[in-house]
């Protein structure tokens, strides 16, 4: 189901990260980012998210990397 333009803008502007916005809208991060770029091209001043995970997500990535590392590293 296609997300309404108004719903997309509300979620985007109140979202904390691209990942979370995409999850809330049921979209991929690539699709959400592309749609935001399209809107910006039409003059809609959507905020830009910083690249990379939020602070808490970095710890999750560290833990994942450690759990998959070969023994002894």
Protein backbone atom coordinates (compact mmCIF):
# COMPACT_ATOMS: atom_id res chain seq x y z
CA UNK A 1 0.00 0.00 0.00
CA UNK A 2 1.33 3.41 -0.94
CA UNK A 3 1.97 5.81 1.92
CA UNK A 4 0.12 9.13 1.53
CA UNK A 5 2.33 12.14 0.88
CA UNK A 6 1.11 13.87 4.04
CA UNK A 7 1.80 10.78 6.17
CA UNK A 8 5.27 10.42 4.69
CA UNK A 9 6.14 14.03 5.49
CA UNK A 10 4.81 13.81 9.06
CA UNK A 11 6.76 10.63 9.81
CA UNK A 12 9.91 11.92 8.08
CA UNK A 13 9.95 15.25 9.89
CA UNK A 14 9.34 13.67 13.32
CA UNK A 15 11.56 10.61 12.82
CA UNK A 16 14.89 10.09 14.59
CA UNK A 17 16.68 8.16 11.84
CA UNK A 18 16.23 7.04 8.26
CA UNK A 19 16.11 3.43 9.43
CA UNK A 20 13.31 4.09 11.89
CA UNK A 21 11.32 6.21 9.43
CA UNK A 22 11.53 3.45 6.83
CA UNK A 23 10.41 0.85 9.38
CA UNK A 24 7.46 3.00 10.46
CA UNK A 25 6.37 3.47 6.85
CA UNK A 26 6.95 -0.14 5.78
CA UNK A 27 9.56 0.90 3.22
CA UNK A 28 13.20 0.14 2.57
CA UNK A 29 15.68 2.82 3.62
CA UNK A 30 16.58 3.24 -0.04
CA UNK A 31 12.95 3.85 -1.04
CA UNK A 32 12.36 6.29 1.83
CA UNK A 33 15.54 8.21 1.04
CA UNK A 34 14.71 8.36 -2.66
CA UNK A 35 11.21 9.63 -1.92
CA UNK A 36 12.55 12.32 0.40
CA UNK A 37 14.99 13.36 -2.32
CA UNK A 38 12.16 13.57 -4.82
CA UNK A 39 10.17 15.79 -2.47
CA UNK A 40 13.19 18.02 -1.86
CA UNK A 41 13.53 18.38 -5.62
CA UNK A 42 9.96 19.67 -5.68
CA UNK A 43 10.85 22.31 -3.08
CA UNK A 44 9.60 20.56 0.06
CA UNK A 45 12.14 21.32 2.82
CA UNK A 46 12.55 17.90 4.44
CA UNK A 47 15.25 17.50 7.05
CA UNK A 48 18.33 15.42 6.32
CA UNK A 49 19.44 12.58 8.55
CA UNK A 50 23.06 12.05 9.52
CA UNK A 51 24.63 9.09 7.83
CA UNK A 52 25.28 6.01 9.92
CA UNK A 53 23.57 4.46 12.91
CA UNK A 54 22.47 6.23 16.06
CA UNK A 55 24.67 5.85 19.15
CA UNK A 56 22.77 2.87 20.53
CA UNK A 57 22.86 1.15 17.15
CA UNK A 58 26.67 1.34 17.08
CA UNK A 59 26.78 -0.83 20.19
CA UNK A 60 24.48 -3.37 18.55
CA UNK A 61 26.81 -3.47 15.54
CA UNK A 62 29.86 -3.93 17.79
CA UNK A 63 28.16 -6.79 19.61
CA UNK A 64 27.20 -8.43 16.33
CA UNK A 65 30.74 -8.16 14.95
CA UNK A 66 32.19 -9.65 18.15
CA UNK A 67 29.72 -12.54 18.10
CA UNK A 68 30.72 -13.42 14.52
CA UNK A 69 34.49 -12.98 14.92
CA UNK A 70 36.69 -16.07 14.78
CA UNK A 71 37.74 -17.41 18.18
CA UNK A 72 40.88 -15.70 19.50
CA UNK A 73 40.35 -12.34 17.78
